[in-house]
């Protein structure tokens, strides 16, 4: 079996590449095509643990779900996780290989491309179709040399490309024409059509512009996709607009999450963001932590640096006041490590080698090790014998008396800690709100007397179906099938 390949590129970041790929994956799966998603290089702090024990971007995990597949590292062979404004941890085939600044990574791209092609060829041998997602824009002049994420990959494997543009941002025709102008002739020829995304209004009013674009470029517009309100899919990186309370109702739990500079896996909070009894708000830098029922310290890619930031914002003082007034605190992964007495990074894994004092709320210490812990887990919570499923992605190993009161039982081992007074919980488990039983138990612990069952996974699945239905209605699927040489 040799898979046919189609690549979806965008005029910018967040143009809609991820959602178009997910929709096409679901539509092809409905038609009985053995299809797989692929993103050569991703840059994101939201990642998922795969069936083969590595990590990939969460967008590819969603796309795998759209195909009815378990996530695998070959779906995203190169993942960059920024740990500063100029550097990132480079993850190849699911496992970290080095921390590079931008110039050092540029010299590493040939090695990264070899990893990309290894994964791509393996997928070619097992699937009928590969739907590839680009990254950012193919017209970034400074990134063209040695490109592995967009046209560099498309040229290497000789695949057709569709270009997605977001009309909701405005200037959609300039986006498309400008992108074409900045490509080489062979790259322009590779683009077989355009997809206009997130359109609001009467498409008839857009028709003159679409005709002009087709005449100007000599390429077809394959469809205009409508703006879908309340589409609940895991984000690759963006946090959305959850920065204000939405208006308190009776029996509502207020949850505040400090927005740390290197916050990671904020998809942990999707179940809370959409839960009808919860108001969740991300607290932006410069804001004070508000009165609320629960404060959650999120995961972090640079725990010591984010802990310094937390102190600089005086959020630590507000957190202590919150506890004195009877509030609850939950730390997840890096946030859990912050709750301890001290954090050691002797190998300089996340930043310069050294140690930092923690918040001192749990009697434990954490040491970062080069070998990252990557596990998909299931077990029960100590709180109410409730089922929990999730995953671990962390370099730290924690130890101390606090762990004698574990948060969860995971078969042959335990996870996390609960303070003696029950007001503070720390855990390494990401996705802990996704299972309805665990979500209910945690909301009751946080103060919600009657917590309703809520299944975020069912909501995500319904969103994939709704997205696929919309793309099926508004996109020229016959042309796409022809590009993939499918009947």
Protein backbone atom coordinates (compact mmCIF):
# COMPACT_ATOMS: atom_id res chain seq x y z
CA UNK A 1 0.00 0.00 0.00
CA UNK A 2 1.35 3.45 -0.94
CA UNK A 3 -0.67 6.31 0.51
CA UNK A 4 -1.73 9.31 -1.53
CA UNK A 5 -0.89 12.61 0.14
CA UNK A 6 -2.60 16.01 0.35
CA UNK A 7 -1.14 18.90 2.32
CA UNK A 8 -3.18 21.69 3.94
CA UNK A 9 -1.21 24.92 4.38
CA UNK A 10 -2.41 28.28 5.67
CA UNK A 11 -1.81 31.93 4.96
CA UNK A 12 -1.07 32.40 8.67
CA UNK A 13 -1.10 30.67 12.02
CA UNK A 14 -4.62 29.79 13.20
CA UNK A 15 -6.05 30.06 9.69
CA UNK A 16 -7.87 26.78 10.27
CA UNK A 17 -5.39 24.16 9.04
CA UNK A 18 -5.89 21.87 12.05
CA UNK A 19 -9.68 21.86 11.80
CA UNK A 20 -9.71 21.33 8.03
CA UNK A 21 -7.36 18.36 8.42
CA UNK A 22 -9.52 16.92 11.21
CA UNK A 23 -12.66 17.33 9.09
CA UNK A 24 -11.12 15.69 6.03
CA UNK A 25 -9.83 12.83 8.18
CA UNK A 26 -13.33 12.19 9.55
CA UNK A 27 -14.97 12.44 6.11
CA UNK A 28 -12.51 10.02 4.52
CA UNK A 29 -12.93 7.65 7.46
CA UNK A 30 -16.71 7.75 6.98
CA UNK A 31 -16.13 6.72 3.37
CA UNK A 32 -14.05 3.73 4.40
CA UNK A 33 -10.68 5.22 3.43
CA UNK A 34 -7.76 4.18 5.65
CA UNK A 35 -6.47 7.70 6.40
CA UNK A 36 -3.92 9.15 8.83
CA UNK A 37 -3.01 12.73 9.87
CA UNK A 38 0.55 14.00 9.65
CA UNK A 39 2.29 17.19 10.75
CA UNK A 40 6.02 17.25 9.96
CA UNK A 41 6.89 19.90 12.54
CA UNK A 42 4.73 21.38 15.27
CA UNK A 43 5.48 24.11 17.78
CA UNK A 44 3.18 23.86 20.78
CA UNK A 45 3.13 23.53 24.55
CA UNK A 46 0.00 21.38 24.42
CA UNK A 47 1.02 17.79 23.82
CA UNK A 48 -0.44 14.29 24.06
CA UNK A 49 1.12 10.97 25.07
CA UNK A 50 1.01 8.41 22.27
CA UNK A 51 0.36 4.68 22.14
CA UNK A 52 4.09 4.09 21.54
CA UNK A 53 5.15 6.07 24.60
CA UNK A 54 6.12 9.42 23.11
CA UNK A 55 4.52 12.87 22.82
CA UNK A 56 3.04 14.78 19.91
CA UNK A 57 1.02 17.97 19.48
CA UNK A 58 -2.55 17.76 20.74
CA UNK A 59 -3.92 18.84 17.36
CA UNK A 60 -2.61 15.60 15.87
CA UNK A 61 -4.22 13.63 18.71
CA UNK A 62 -7.56 15.23 17.79
CA UNK A 63 -6.98 14.42 14.12
CA UNK A 64 -6.14 10.82 15.08
CA UNK A 65 -9.47 10.68 16.93
CA UNK A 66 -11.16 11.89 13.75
CA UNK A 67 -9.61 8.88 11.98
CA UNK A 68 -10.55 6.47 14.75
CA UNK A 69 -6.84 5.91 15.47
CA UNK A 70 -4.67 5.93 18.56
CA UNK A 71 -2.15 8.81 18.49
CA UNK A 72 1.34 7.72 17.36
CA UNK A 73 4.65 9.60 17.23
CA UNK A 74 4.85 9.13 13.45
CA UNK A 75 1.89 11.52 13.14
CA UNK A 76 4.07 14.40 14.40
CA UNK A 77 7.76 13.42 14.24
CA UNK A 78 9.15 16.84 15.20
CA UNK A 79 7.68 18.77 18.13
CA UNK A 80 9.17 22.04 19.39
CA UNK A 81 8.22 23.06 22.93
CA UNK A 82 9.33 26.66 23.63
CA UNK A 83 11.05 27.12 26.99
CA UNK A 84 12.11 30.75 26.42
CA UNK A 85 11.52 33.53 23.90
CA UNK A 86 14.45 32.32 21.77
CA UNK A 87 14.76 28.60 22.58
CA UNK A 88 12.84 25.36 22.62
CA UNK A 89 13.08 21.72 23.58
CA UNK A 90 13.32 19.67 20.41
CA UNK A 91 11.40 16.38 20.48
CA UNK A 92 12.10 13.84 17.74
CA UNK A 93 9.87 10.77 17.34
CA UNK A 94 8.25 11.54 20.67
CA UNK A 95 11.35 12.01 22.84
CA UNK A 96 13.49 15.08 23.68
CA UNK A 97 16.91 15.24 22.04
CA UNK A 98 18.18 18.72 22.96
CA UNK A 99 17.39 22.33 23.82
CA UNK A 100 18.24 24.62 20.91
CA UNK A 101 18.03 28.34 20.32
CA UNK A 102 16.65 29.38 16.94
CA UNK A 103 20.00 29.58 15.15
CA UNK A 104 21.19 26.21 16.48
CA UNK A 105 17.95 24.53 15.43
CA UNK A 106 18.33 25.97 11.93
CA UNK A 107 21.54 23.97 11.61
CA UNK A 108 19.76 20.86 12.93
CA UNK A 109 16.96 20.94 10.36
CA UNK A 110 18.57 18.41 8.02
CA UNK A 111 18.57 15.86 10.83
CA UNK A 112 14.98 16.79 11.66
CA UNK A 113 13.96 16.38 7.99
CA UNK A 114 15.39 12.87 7.98
CA UNK A 115 13.19 12.04 10.99
CA UNK A 116 10.18 13.55 9.20
CA UNK A 117 10.76 11.45 6.09
CA UNK A 118 11.27 8.28 8.14
CA UNK A 119 7.85 8.73 9.76
CA UNK A 120 6.19 9.72 6.49
CA UNK A 121 7.46 6.61 4.69
CA UNK A 122 6.26 4.35 7.48
CA UNK A 123 2.79 5.88 7.24
CA UNK A 124 2.85 5.52 3.46
CA UNK A 125 3.19 1.78 3.86
CA UNK A 126 0.19 1.41 6.16
CA UNK A 127 -2.48 3.85 4.95
CA UNK A 128 -4.38 4.76 1.79
CA UNK A 129 -4.30 8.50 2.37
CA UNK A 130 -2.20 10.97 4.37
CA UNK A 131 -3.62 14.41 5.18
CA UNK A 132 -0.72 16.69 6.09
CA UNK A 133 -0.95 19.89 8.12
CA UNK A 134 1.54 22.67 7.53
CA UNK A 135 2.75 25.09 10.20
CA UNK A 136 2.27 28.85 10.25
CA UNK A 137 2.64 30.20 6.72
CA UNK A 138 4.69 28.92 3.76
CA UNK A 139 5.64 32.51 2.91
CA UNK A 140 7.90 33.22 5.92
CA UNK A 141 10.95 34.43 4.00
CA UNK A 142 13.34 34.06 6.95
CA UNK A 143 12.35 30.40 7.44
CA UNK A 144 12.38 29.25 3.80
CA UNK A 145 15.92 27.85 3.77
CA UNK A 146 15.87 24.27 5.03
CA UNK A 147 12.09 24.38 5.58
CA UNK A 148 10.61 21.10 6.77
CA UNK A 149 7.17 22.31 7.85
CA UNK A 150 5.55 23.62 4.66
CA UNK A 151 6.73 23.81 1.05
CA UNK A 152 10.08 22.24 1.89
CA UNK A 153 8.24 19.07 2.85
CA UNK A 154 5.71 19.30 0.00
CA UNK A 155 8.51 19.64 -2.56
CA UNK A 156 10.45 16.77 -1.00
CA UNK A 157 7.55 14.30 -1.24
CA UNK A 158 5.93 15.90 -4.33
CA UNK A 159 2.40 16.34 -2.98
CA UNK A 160 -0.40 18.78 -3.89
CA UNK A 161 -1.28 21.61 -1.52
CA UNK A 162 -4.50 23.43 -0.61
CA UNK A 163 -4.19 26.89 0.93
CA UNK A 164 -6.53 27.92 3.79
CA UNK A 165 -7.20 31.58 4.60
CA UNK A 166 -9.19 33.05 7.50
CA UNK A 167 -11.68 35.64 6.24
CA UNK A 168 -12.79 36.49 9.80
CA UNK A 169 -9.50 38.36 10.29
CA UNK A 170 -10.13 40.52 7.22
CA UNK A 171 -7.97 40.99 4.14
CA UNK A 172 -8.49 37.45 2.89
CA UNK A 173 -7.69 38.24 -0.76
CA UNK A 174 -4.49 40.02 0.22
CA UNK A 175 -3.57 37.03 2.38
CA UNK A 176 -3.90 34.63 -0.52
CA UNK A 177 -2.41 36.77 -3.29
CA UNK A 178 0.43 37.92 -1.04
CA UNK A 179 1.26 34.34 -0.10
CA UNK A 180 1.35 33.30 -3.77
CA UNK A 181 3.62 36.22 -4.65
CA UNK A 182 6.18 35.15 -2.05
CA UNK A 183 6.40 31.55 -3.27
CA UNK A 184 8.65 30.18 -5.98
CA UNK A 185 7.12 29.15 -9.30
CA UNK A 186 7.27 25.45 -8.47
CA UNK A 187 5.64 26.11 -5.08
CA UNK A 188 2.85 28.18 -6.66
CA UNK A 189 2.20 25.38 -9.12
CA UNK A 190 1.90 22.97 -6.21
CA UNK A 191 -1.10 24.88 -4.80
CA UNK A 192 -4.21 23.36 -6.38
CA UNK A 193 -6.86 25.54 -4.80
CA UNK A 194 -8.02 27.71 -1.92
CA UNK A 195 -10.33 27.24 1.06
CA UNK A 196 -11.88 30.34 2.63
CA UNK A 197 -12.49 29.71 6.32
CA UNK A 198 -14.72 31.25 9.03
CA UNK A 199 -17.10 33.22 6.80
CA UNK A 200 -20.08 35.02 8.34
CA UNK A 201 -22.91 36.31 6.20
CA UNK A 202 -24.36 35.80 2.72
CA UNK A 203 -21.86 33.99 0.50
CA UNK A 204 -23.49 35.55 -2.56
CA UNK A 205 -21.93 38.87 -1.57
CA UNK A 206 -18.52 37.19 -1.66
CA UNK A 207 -18.94 35.73 -5.16
CA UNK A 208 -17.44 38.69 -7.09
CA UNK A 209 -14.29 38.46 -4.97
CA UNK A 210 -14.07 34.70 -5.46
CA UNK A 211 -14.35 35.09 -9.25
CA UNK A 212 -11.66 37.78 -9.21
CA UNK A 213 -9.37 35.57 -7.14
CA UNK A 214 -9.79 32.61 -9.49
CA UNK A 215 -9.10 34.81 -12.55
CA UNK A 216 -6.11 36.48 -10.86
CA UNK A 217 -4.50 33.24 -9.68
CA UNK A 218 -5.75 30.71 -12.21
CA UNK A 219 -6.67 28.44 -9.29
CA UNK A 220 -10.09 27.39 -8.00
CA UNK A 221 -11.73 28.22 -4.71
CA UNK A 222 -12.78 24.81 -3.41
CA UNK A 223 -15.20 26.15 -0.84
CA UNK A 224 -16.18 28.77 1.71
CA UNK A 225 -16.51 27.32 5.18
CA UNK A 226 -18.89 29.08 7.60
CA UNK A 227 -17.90 30.34 11.02
CA UNK A 228 -18.94 27.61 13.46
CA UNK A 229 -19.89 29.02 16.84
CA UNK A 230 -19.28 26.95 19.99
CA UNK A 231 -17.03 24.42 18.28
CA UNK A 232 -15.30 22.55 21.09
CA UNK A 233 -12.01 21.09 19.87
CA UNK A 234 -8.74 21.03 21.78
CA UNK A 235 -6.59 24.03 20.87
CA UNK A 236 -3.02 23.66 19.67
CA UNK A 237 -1.91 26.67 21.69
CA UNK A 238 -4.45 29.50 21.90
CA UNK A 239 -6.34 30.14 25.13
CA UNK A 240 -9.37 31.81 23.64
CA UNK A 241 -11.11 34.66 25.44
CA UNK A 242 -11.73 33.07 28.85
CA UNK A 243 -10.37 36.10 30.70
CA UNK A 244 -13.56 37.39 32.34
CA UNK A 245 -16.23 35.89 34.54
CA UNK A 246 -19.28 35.12 32.43
CA UNK A 247 -21.84 36.00 35.09
CA UNK A 248 -22.38 33.93 38.22
CA UNK A 249 -25.41 31.65 38.50
CA UNK A 250 -26.76 29.75 41.47
CA UNK A 251 -24.71 26.67 42.36
CA UNK A 252 -21.71 27.76 40.26
CA UNK A 253 -18.08 27.09 41.11
CA UNK A 254 -15.57 29.83 40.33
CA UNK A 255 -12.14 28.64 39.21
CA UNK A 256 -9.10 30.87 38.58
CA UNK A 257 -5.99 29.81 36.66
CA UNK A 258 -2.92 32.12 36.72
CA UNK A 259 -1.71 32.59 33.16
CA UNK A 260 1.97 31.70 33.46
CA UNK A 261 4.33 32.66 30.60
CA UNK A 262 5.17 29.01 29.78
CA UNK A 263 1.81 27.45 30.64
CA UNK A 264 1.55 23.98 29.10
CA UNK A 265 -1.33 21.61 28.39
CA UNK A 266 -4.01 24.17 29.16
CA UNK A 267 -6.38 21.71 27.48
CA UNK A 268 -6.55 20.26 31.01
CA UNK A 269 -9.17 22.94 31.64
CA UNK A 270 -11.42 22.33 28.63
CA UNK A 271 -13.83 20.24 30.69
CA UNK A 272 -14.12 23.08 33.23
CA UNK A 273 -14.46 25.77 30.57
CA UNK A 274 -17.50 24.00 29.13
CA UNK A 275 -19.01 22.60 32.32
CA UNK A 276 -22.42 24.25 32.92
CA UNK A 277 -21.76 24.61 36.68
CA UNK A 278 -18.27 26.11 36.42
CA UNK A 279 -16.98 29.56 35.62
CA UNK A 280 -13.31 29.36 34.74
CA UNK A 281 -11.13 32.39 34.19
CA UNK A 282 -7.49 32.69 33.19
CA UNK A 283 -5.85 35.49 35.19
CA UNK A 284 -3.64 37.60 32.94
CA UNK A 285 -0.34 39.19 34.02
CA UNK A 286 -0.94 42.41 35.92
CA UNK A 287 -4.28 41.23 37.29
CA UNK A 288 -4.92 40.24 40.88
CA UNK A 289 -6.12 36.78 41.74
CA UNK A 290 -9.86 37.27 42.35
CA UNK A 291 -12.07 35.82 45.06
CA UNK A 292 -12.98 32.33 43.91
CA UNK A 293 -13.55 28.77 45.10
CA UNK A 294 -10.58 27.07 43.47
CA UNK A 295 -7.17 28.23 42.23
CA UNK A 296 -5.38 25.88 39.85
CA UNK A 297 -1.65 26.19 39.23
CA UNK A 298 -1.23 24.81 35.69
CA UNK A 299 1.52 22.86 34.02
CA UNK A 300 4.63 24.73 32.93
CA UNK A 301 7.48 24.15 30.49
CA UNK A 302 9.83 26.25 32.67
CA UNK A 303 8.73 25.70 36.25
CA UNK A 304 11.40 27.69 38.09
CA UNK A 305 11.05 30.68 35.75
CA UNK A 306 7.26 30.58 36.01
CA UNK A 307 7.54 30.32 39.80
CA UNK A 308 9.64 33.50 39.79
CA UNK A 309 6.95 35.12 37.63
CA UNK A 310 4.25 34.03 40.08
CA UNK A 311 6.18 35.74 42.91
CA UNK A 312 6.72 38.87 40.82
CA UNK A 313 2.96 39.12 40.21
CA UNK A 314 2.39 38.67 43.98
CA UNK A 315 0.07 35.80 43.16
CA UNK A 316 1.77 33.77 45.89
CA UNK A 317 0.49 36.18 48.57
CA UNK A 318 -3.01 36.08 47.08
CA UNK A 319 -2.91 32.28 47.03
CA UNK A 320 -2.02 32.16 50.75
CA UNK A 321 -4.88 34.55 51.53
CA UNK A 322 -7.20 32.38 49.43
CA UNK A 323 -6.29 29.35 51.57
CA UNK A 324 -6.76 31.27 54.84
CA UNK A 325 -10.30 32.13 53.75
CA UNK A 326 -11.14 28.48 53.07
CA UNK A 327 -10.42 28.24 49.35
CA UNK A 328 -8.99 25.18 47.63
CA UNK A 329 -5.76 24.89 45.59
CA UNK A 330 -4.89 22.34 42.92
CA UNK A 331 -1.46 22.05 41.29
CA UNK A 332 -1.08 20.09 38.05
CA UNK A 333 2.35 18.84 36.92
CA UNK A 334 4.59 21.94 37.09
CA UNK A 335 2.00 23.54 39.35
CA UNK A 336 2.29 20.50 41.63
CA UNK A 337 6.07 20.92 41.76
CA UNK A 338 5.64 24.59 42.75
CA UNK A 339 3.63 23.54 45.83
CA UNK A 340 6.65 21.75 47.36
CA UNK A 341 9.56 22.95 49.49
CA UNK A 342 12.22 23.17 46.79
CA UNK A 343 12.76 22.46 43.11
CA UNK A 344 16.18 21.24 41.88
CA UNK A 345 17.35 21.37 38.26
CA UNK A 346 20.95 20.12 38.55
CA UNK A 347 21.29 19.34 34.83
CA UNK A 348 19.83 22.63 33.57
CA UNK A 349 16.99 20.81 31.80
CA UNK A 350 14.51 23.71 31.76
CA UNK A 351 16.82 26.65 32.40
CA UNK A 352 20.19 27.38 34.02
CA UNK A 353 21.21 24.69 36.49
CA UNK A 354 20.24 25.49 40.07
CA UNK A 355 17.52 25.28 42.69
CA UNK A 356 14.53 27.39 43.66
CA UNK A 357 12.40 27.43 46.81
CA UNK A 358 8.82 26.36 46.25
CA UNK A 359 5.67 27.68 47.89
CA UNK A 360 6.15 25.34 50.87
CA UNK A 361 2.55 24.12 50.90
CA UNK A 362 3.42 20.42 50.55
CA UNK A 363 6.28 18.68 52.35
CA UNK A 364 8.19 17.38 49.32
CA UNK A 365 11.07 18.22 47.00
CA UNK A 366 11.32 17.78 43.23
CA UNK A 367 14.41 17.06 41.13
CA UNK A 368 14.39 17.33 37.34
CA UNK A 369 16.00 14.44 35.46
CA UNK A 370 16.98 14.13 31.77
CA UNK A 371 14.65 11.18 31.22
CA UNK A 372 11.12 12.48 30.70
CA UNK A 373 8.20 10.57 32.24
CA UNK A 374 5.64 9.78 29.52
CA UNK A 375 2.72 7.60 30.56
CA UNK A 376 -0.95 7.12 29.72
CA UNK A 377 -2.65 6.14 32.93
CA UNK A 378 -5.92 5.11 34.54
CA UNK A 379 -6.82 4.50 38.16
CA UNK A 380 -8.97 5.82 40.98
CA UNK A 381 -8.96 9.01 43.04
CA UNK A 382 -8.45 8.84 46.80
CA UNK A 383 -11.21 11.44 47.18
CA UNK A 384 -14.18 9.24 46.32
CA UNK A 385 -12.90 6.09 44.65
CA UNK A 386 -13.74 7.79 41.35
CA UNK A 387 -12.31 6.65 38.02
CA UNK A 388 -9.61 8.87 36.48
CA UNK A 389 -7.87 8.64 33.10
CA UNK A 390 -5.07 10.87 31.92
CA UNK A 391 -1.44 11.12 30.95
CA UNK A 392 1.89 12.22 32.44
CA UNK A 393 4.51 14.40 30.73
CA UNK A 394 7.17 15.61 33.15
CA UNK A 395 10.90 15.58 33.84
CA UNK A 396 10.58 16.01 37.62
CA UNK A 397 10.57 13.28 40.26
CA UNK A 398 8.98 14.34 43.57
CA UNK A 399 9.67 12.80 46.96
CA UNK A 400 8.75 13.52 50.56
CA UNK A 401 6.26 12.87 53.39
CA UNK A 402 3.44 14.65 51.52
CA UNK A 403 3.28 11.77 49.04
CA UNK A 404 2.17 9.44 51.83
CA UNK A 405 -1.30 10.95 51.34
CA UNK A 406 -1.65 10.24 47.57
CA UNK A 407 -4.15 11.88 45.28
CA UNK A 408 -4.68 8.84 43.04
CA UNK A 409 -3.99 5.11 42.95
CA UNK A 410 -2.64 3.93 39.59
CA UNK A 411 -2.43 0.17 39.93
CA UNK A 412 1.07 -0.60 41.22
CA UNK A 413 1.90 3.00 42.13
CA UNK A 414 0.41 6.21 43.49
CA UNK A 415 0.32 9.76 42.23
CA UNK A 416 0.31 13.16 43.82
CA UNK A 417 -0.53 14.37 47.30
CA UNK A 418 -3.38 15.75 49.41
CA UNK A 419 -2.57 18.08 52.28
CA UNK A 420 -3.53 17.02 55.81
CA UNK A 421 -6.37 19.54 55.96
CA UNK A 422 -7.63 18.49 52.49
CA UNK A 423 -7.42 22.01 51.07
CA UNK A 424 -4.49 21.40 48.70
CA UNK A 425 -4.05 18.76 46.00
CA UNK A 426 -1.06 18.17 43.76
CA UNK A 427 -0.90 15.74 40.85
CA UNK A 428 1.15 14.89 37.77
CA UNK A 429 -1.96 13.82 35.86
CA UNK A 430 -3.01 15.84 32.83
CA UNK A 431 -6.58 15.44 31.59
CA UNK A 432 -7.81 14.60 35.08
CA UNK A 433 -11.15 16.43 34.54
CA UNK A 434 -11.92 14.54 31.33
CA UNK A 435 -13.47 11.47 32.96
CA UNK A 436 -16.96 12.37 34.29
CA UNK A 437 -16.44 10.53 37.61
CA UNK A 438 -13.16 12.29 38.36
CA UNK A 439 -14.61 15.66 37.33
CA UNK A 440 -17.60 15.22 39.65
CA UNK A 441 -15.40 14.20 42.59
CA UNK A 442 -13.02 17.13 42.13
CA UNK A 443 -15.84 19.66 41.81
CA UNK A 444 -17.43 18.37 45.01
CA UNK A 445 -14.05 18.62 46.77
CA UNK A 446 -13.73 22.21 45.52
CA UNK A 447 -17.09 23.17 47.02
CA UNK A 448 -19.83 22.32 44.52
CA UNK A 449 -22.39 20.52 46.65
CA UNK A 450 -24.31 18.91 43.77
CA UNK A 451 -22.00 18.36 40.82
CA UNK A 452 -23.63 17.24 37.60
CA UNK A 453 -22.02 14.68 35.31
CA UNK A 454 -20.33 16.19 32.26
CA UNK A 455 -18.50 14.29 29.50
CA UNK A 456 -16.02 16.51 27.61
CA UNK A 457 -15.01 13.57 25.41
CA UNK A 458 -18.54 13.21 24.07
CA UNK A 459 -18.60 16.96 23.39
CA UNK A 460 -15.32 16.73 21.44
CA UNK A 461 -16.63 13.82 19.38
CA UNK A 462 -19.83 15.72 18.59
CA UNK A 463 -17.72 18.72 17.54
CA UNK A 464 -15.68 16.59 15.11
CA UNK A 465 -18.91 15.26 13.59
CA UNK A 466 -20.37 18.76 13.28
CA UNK A 467 -17.16 20.06 11.70
CA UNK A 468 -17.09 17.20 9.19
CA UNK A 469 -20.76 17.78 8.29
CA UNK A 470 -20.04 21.44 7.59
CA UNK A 471 -16.99 20.70 5.43
CA UNK A 472 -18.95 18.02 3.54
CA UNK A 473 -21.65 20.59 2.75
CA UNK A 474 -19.42 23.50 1.74
CA UNK A 475 -16.27 21.99 0.20
CA UNK A 476 -15.77 20.52 -3.28
CA UNK A 477 -14.95 17.01 -2.09
CA UNK A 478 -14.91 15.61 -5.64
CA UNK A 479 -11.86 17.73 -6.45
CA UNK A 480 -10.20 16.75 -3.21
CA UNK A 481 -10.82 13.07 -3.95
CA UNK A 482 -9.28 13.58 -7.37
CA UNK A 483 -6.18 15.16 -5.81
CA UNK A 484 -5.88 12.08 -3.60
CA UNK A 485 -6.60 9.81 -6.60
CA UNK A 486 -9.54 8.30 -4.75
CA UNK A 487 -12.82 7.29 -6.30
